[in-house]
Amino acid sequence: MVQSHLYARLEETRVFSIPAEHGEPVCTVGKGDWLGVLTFHGDWANVIATACEGWVKISETESRPPFHLHIQQGEGKPISYVNSPAKATS
């Protein structure tokens, strides 16, 4: 079960098979992509993304205010998660 939400901070954030940089990269997610956190282990988070599941370095992620995550799905297309920009307050 997803415990919390993070977002990829780097243009190419690697998701690993194990919580170590010498692990095999499973996939790469782009900046701003949603990551559902399953568990934390030291400096790593076990996450699910729209393309894969694995481990990311927490330092390569960021949190965002709640209620900015939206789901889009078109007929015959997979679900995509998008983050709406925060609205400026005055």
N, C-alpha and C. Protein backbone atom coordinates (compact mmCIF):
# COMPACT_ATOMS: atom_id res chain seq x y z
N MET A 1 0.84 -1.17 0.00
CA MET A 1 0.00 0.00 0.00
C MET A 1 0.89 1.24 0.00
N VAL A 2 0.51 2.23 -0.77
CA VAL A 2 1.27 3.49 -0.84
C VAL A 2 1.11 4.24 0.49
N GLN A 3 2.26 4.55 1.10
CA GLN A 3 2.28 5.24 2.39
C GLN A 3 2.35 6.76 2.24
N SER A 4 3.04 7.22 1.20
CA SER A 4 3.19 8.65 0.94
C SER A 4 3.57 8.86 -0.51
N HIS A 5 3.71 10.11 -0.91
CA HIS A 5 3.99 10.45 -2.30
C HIS A 5 5.25 11.30 -2.38
N LEU A 6 6.08 10.99 -3.37
CA LEU A 6 7.25 11.80 -3.69
C LEU A 6 7.24 12.04 -5.18
N TYR A 7 8.12 12.92 -5.64
CA TYR A 7 8.23 13.24 -7.06
C TYR A 7 9.70 13.24 -7.43
N ALA A 8 10.01 12.75 -8.62
CA ALA A 8 11.39 12.72 -9.10
C ALA A 8 11.90 14.15 -9.22
N ARG A 9 13.09 14.40 -8.69
CA ARG A 9 13.68 15.74 -8.70
C ARG A 9 14.63 15.95 -9.87
N LEU A 10 15.16 14.88 -10.43
CA LEU A 10 16.14 14.97 -11.50
C LEU A 10 15.50 14.71 -12.85
N GLU A 11 16.13 15.19 -13.91
CA GLU A 11 15.63 14.91 -15.27
C GLU A 11 15.56 13.41 -15.53
N GLU A 12 16.55 12.68 -15.01
CA GLU A 12 16.59 11.23 -15.14
C GLU A 12 16.87 10.63 -13.77
N THR A 13 15.83 10.27 -13.05
CA THR A 13 15.97 9.67 -11.73
C THR A 13 15.91 8.16 -11.90
N ARG A 14 16.99 7.48 -11.50
CA ARG A 14 17.07 6.02 -11.66
C ARG A 14 16.33 5.29 -10.54
N VAL A 15 15.61 4.26 -10.90
CA VAL A 15 14.94 3.37 -9.96
C VAL A 15 15.72 2.06 -10.00
N PHE A 16 16.20 1.62 -8.82
CA PHE A 16 17.07 0.45 -8.73
C PHE A 16 16.32 -0.78 -8.23
N SER A 17 16.91 -1.96 -8.50
CA SER A 17 16.32 -3.22 -8.05
C SER A 17 16.51 -3.45 -6.55
N ILE A 18 17.57 -2.88 -5.98
CA ILE A 18 17.86 -2.98 -4.55
C ILE A 18 18.24 -1.59 -4.04
N PRO A 19 18.18 -1.35 -2.72
CA PRO A 19 18.52 -0.03 -2.19
C PRO A 19 20.03 0.19 -2.10
N ALA A 20 20.68 0.23 -3.29
CA ALA A 20 22.12 0.46 -3.37
C ALA A 20 22.46 0.89 -4.80
N GLU A 21 23.39 1.82 -4.93
CA GLU A 21 23.74 2.31 -6.27
C GLU A 21 24.39 1.26 -7.15
N HIS A 22 24.94 0.19 -6.55
CA HIS A 22 25.51 -0.88 -7.37
C HIS A 22 24.43 -1.85 -7.85
N GLY A 23 23.19 -1.60 -7.46
CA GLY A 23 22.09 -2.43 -7.93
C GLY A 23 21.79 -2.16 -9.40
N GLU A 24 21.00 -3.01 -9.97
CA GLU A 24 20.62 -2.89 -11.37
C GLU A 24 19.53 -1.83 -11.51
N PRO A 25 19.73 -0.80 -12.37
CA PRO A 25 18.63 0.14 -12.61
C PRO A 25 17.47 -0.59 -13.32
N VAL A 26 16.27 -0.43 -12.78
CA VAL A 26 15.08 -1.07 -13.33
C VAL A 26 14.46 -0.18 -14.41
N CYS A 27 14.46 1.12 -14.15
CA CYS A 27 13.94 2.09 -15.11
C CYS A 27 14.40 3.48 -14.70
N THR A 28 14.07 4.44 -15.50
CA THR A 28 14.37 5.84 -15.23
C THR A 28 13.07 6.61 -15.31
N VAL A 29 12.84 7.49 -14.34
CA VAL A 29 11.66 8.34 -14.37
C VAL A 29 12.10 9.79 -14.56
N GLY A 30 11.24 10.59 -15.14
CA GLY A 30 11.58 11.98 -15.45
C GLY A 30 11.24 12.94 -14.32
N LYS A 31 11.80 14.10 -14.40
CA LYS A 31 11.58 15.14 -13.41
C LYS A 31 10.09 15.41 -13.24
N GLY A 32 9.65 15.41 -11.99
CA GLY A 32 8.25 15.67 -11.68
C GLY A 32 7.36 14.46 -11.70
N ASP A 33 7.90 13.29 -12.11
CA ASP A 33 7.08 12.08 -12.15
C ASP A 33 6.72 11.64 -10.73
N TRP A 34 5.52 11.16 -10.58
CA TRP A 34 5.00 10.69 -9.29
C TRP A 34 5.66 9.38 -8.88
N LEU A 35 5.94 9.25 -7.57
CA LEU A 35 6.47 8.02 -6.99
C LEU A 35 5.66 7.71 -5.74
N GLY A 36 5.01 6.57 -5.71
CA GLY A 36 4.27 6.15 -4.52
C GLY A 36 5.20 5.39 -3.60
N VAL A 37 5.38 5.88 -2.38
CA VAL A 37 6.32 5.26 -1.43
C VAL A 37 5.64 4.11 -0.69
N LEU A 38 6.29 2.94 -0.77
CA LEU A 38 5.81 1.76 -0.06
C LEU A 38 6.47 1.65 1.30
N THR A 39 7.80 1.85 1.35
CA THR A 39 8.56 1.80 2.59
C THR A 39 9.81 2.67 2.44
N PHE A 40 10.43 2.95 3.58
CA PHE A 40 11.72 3.65 3.60
C PHE A 40 12.76 2.71 4.20
N HIS A 41 14.00 2.83 3.73
CA HIS A 41 15.12 2.05 4.27
C HIS A 41 16.35 2.94 4.21
N GLY A 42 16.69 3.57 5.33
CA GLY A 42 17.83 4.49 5.35
C GLY A 42 17.61 5.65 4.41
N ASP A 43 18.54 5.84 3.47
CA ASP A 43 18.48 6.94 2.50
C ASP A 43 17.70 6.57 1.25
N TRP A 44 16.96 5.46 1.29
CA TRP A 44 16.26 4.95 0.12
C TRP A 44 14.77 4.82 0.38
N ALA A 45 14.00 4.91 -0.70
CA ALA A 45 12.55 4.68 -0.63
C ALA A 45 12.19 3.59 -1.64
N ASN A 46 11.41 2.63 -1.19
CA ASN A 46 10.87 1.61 -2.09
C ASN A 46 9.60 2.19 -2.68
N VAL A 47 9.57 2.34 -4.00
CA VAL A 47 8.49 3.07 -4.65
C VAL A 47 7.85 2.29 -5.79
N ILE A 48 6.64 2.71 -6.13
CA ILE A 48 6.04 2.30 -7.38
C ILE A 48 5.92 3.55 -8.23
N ALA A 49 6.14 3.39 -9.50
CA ALA A 49 5.98 4.48 -10.47
C ALA A 49 5.05 3.95 -11.55
N THR A 50 4.69 4.78 -12.50
CA THR A 50 3.80 4.30 -13.55
C THR A 50 4.49 3.28 -14.44
N ALA A 51 5.84 3.28 -14.49
CA ALA A 51 6.57 2.39 -15.39
C ALA A 51 7.23 1.19 -14.69
N CYS A 52 7.43 1.26 -13.36
CA CYS A 52 8.16 0.20 -12.69
C CYS A 52 8.01 0.31 -11.17
N GLU A 53 8.67 -0.62 -10.48
CA GLU A 53 8.74 -0.61 -9.03
C GLU A 53 10.17 -0.87 -8.62
N GLY A 54 10.66 -0.20 -7.57
CA GLY A 54 12.02 -0.40 -7.11
C GLY A 54 12.40 0.61 -6.05
N TRP A 55 13.69 0.95 -6.01
CA TRP A 55 14.24 1.81 -4.96
C TRP A 55 14.85 3.07 -5.56
N VAL A 56 14.58 4.22 -4.95
CA VAL A 56 15.19 5.49 -5.35
C VAL A 56 15.88 6.11 -4.15
N LYS A 57 16.92 6.86 -4.44
CA LYS A 57 17.58 7.63 -3.39
C LYS A 57 16.66 8.79 -3.02
N ILE A 58 16.40 8.94 -1.74
CA ILE A 58 15.49 10.00 -1.29
C ILE A 58 16.01 11.37 -1.70
N SER A 59 17.33 11.54 -1.75
CA SER A 59 17.91 12.83 -2.13
C SER A 59 17.60 13.20 -3.58
N GLU A 60 17.14 12.24 -4.38
CA GLU A 60 16.81 12.50 -5.78
C GLU A 60 15.30 12.69 -5.97
N THR A 61 14.61 12.90 -4.85
CA THR A 61 13.16 13.11 -4.89
C THR A 61 12.81 14.40 -4.16
N GLU A 62 11.55 14.79 -4.27
CA GLU A 62 11.05 15.94 -3.52
C GLU A 62 9.60 15.68 -3.15
N SER A 63 9.17 16.34 -2.09
CA SER A 63 7.76 16.24 -1.73
C SER A 63 7.08 17.50 -2.23
N ARG A 64 5.79 17.42 -2.35
CA ARG A 64 5.00 18.57 -2.81
C ARG A 64 3.77 18.69 -1.93
N PRO A 65 3.16 19.87 -1.93
CA PRO A 65 1.96 20.02 -1.11
C PRO A 65 0.88 19.03 -1.53
N PRO A 66 0.06 18.61 -0.58
CA PRO A 66 -1.01 17.67 -0.92
C PRO A 66 -2.02 18.29 -1.88
N PHE A 67 -2.78 17.46 -2.52
CA PHE A 67 -3.88 17.85 -3.40
C PHE A 67 -3.41 18.46 -4.71
N HIS A 68 -2.18 18.18 -5.11
CA HIS A 68 -1.70 18.64 -6.40
C HIS A 68 -1.52 17.49 -7.39
N LEU A 69 -1.84 16.27 -6.95
CA LEU A 69 -1.70 15.11 -7.82
C LEU A 69 -3.02 14.84 -8.51
N HIS A 70 -2.96 14.70 -9.81
CA HIS A 70 -4.15 14.40 -10.59
C HIS A 70 -3.88 13.20 -11.48
N ILE A 71 -4.91 12.47 -11.79
CA ILE A 71 -4.79 11.30 -12.63
C ILE A 71 -5.48 11.59 -13.96
N GLN A 72 -4.82 11.22 -15.05
CA GLN A 72 -5.42 11.37 -16.37
C GLN A 72 -5.48 9.99 -17.02
N GLN A 73 -6.58 9.73 -17.69
CA GLN A 73 -6.68 8.47 -18.43
C GLN A 73 -7.55 8.71 -19.65
N GLY A 74 -7.00 8.40 -20.79
CA GLY A 74 -7.76 8.47 -22.02
C GLY A 74 -8.18 7.08 -22.44
N GLU A 75 -9.21 6.98 -23.23
CA GLU A 75 -9.70 5.68 -23.66
C GLU A 75 -8.59 4.91 -24.38
N GLY A 76 -8.32 3.72 -23.92
CA GLY A 76 -7.29 2.88 -24.53
C GLY A 76 -5.87 3.27 -24.14
N LYS A 77 -5.71 4.21 -23.21
CA LYS A 77 -4.38 4.66 -22.79
C LYS A 77 -4.19 4.33 -21.32
N PRO A 78 -2.92 4.13 -20.90
CA PRO A 78 -2.68 3.85 -19.49
C PRO A 78 -2.89 5.10 -18.64
N ILE A 79 -3.09 4.88 -17.36
CA ILE A 79 -3.24 6.00 -16.42
C ILE A 79 -1.91 6.75 -16.34
N SER A 80 -1.97 8.08 -16.32
CA SER A 80 -0.77 8.88 -16.08
C SER A 80 -1.05 9.80 -14.91
N TYR A 81 -0.03 10.04 -14.14
CA TYR A 81 -0.14 10.90 -12.97
C TYR A 81 0.54 12.22 -13.29
N VAL A 82 -0.16 13.31 -13.07
CA VAL A 82 0.41 14.61 -13.35
C VAL A 82 0.31 15.46 -12.10
N ASN A 83 1.22 16.37 -11.96
CA ASN A 83 1.23 17.25 -10.81
C ASN A 83 0.88 18.64 -11.27
N SER A 84 -0.19 19.17 -10.73
CA SER A 84 -0.57 20.53 -11.10
C SER A 84 0.33 21.51 -10.37
N PRO A 85 0.71 22.59 -11.02
CA PRO A 85 1.56 23.56 -10.34
C PRO A 85 0.82 24.22 -9.19
N ALA A 86 1.56 24.55 -8.15
CA ALA A 86 0.96 25.24 -7.01
C ALA A 86 0.49 26.61 -7.45
N LYS A 87 -0.66 26.99 -6.95
CA LYS A 87 -1.19 28.32 -7.30
C LYS A 87 -0.55 29.36 -6.39
N ALA A 88 -0.21 30.47 -6.98
CA ALA A 88 0.39 31.56 -6.20
C ALA A 88 -0.69 32.17 -5.32
N THR A 89 -0.30 32.48 -4.11
CA THR A 89 -1.23 33.15 -3.19
C THR A 89 -0.73 34.56 -2.93
N SER A 90 -1.64 35.46 -2.74
CA SER A 90 -1.21 36.83 -2.46
C SER A 90 -1.63 37.27 -1.10
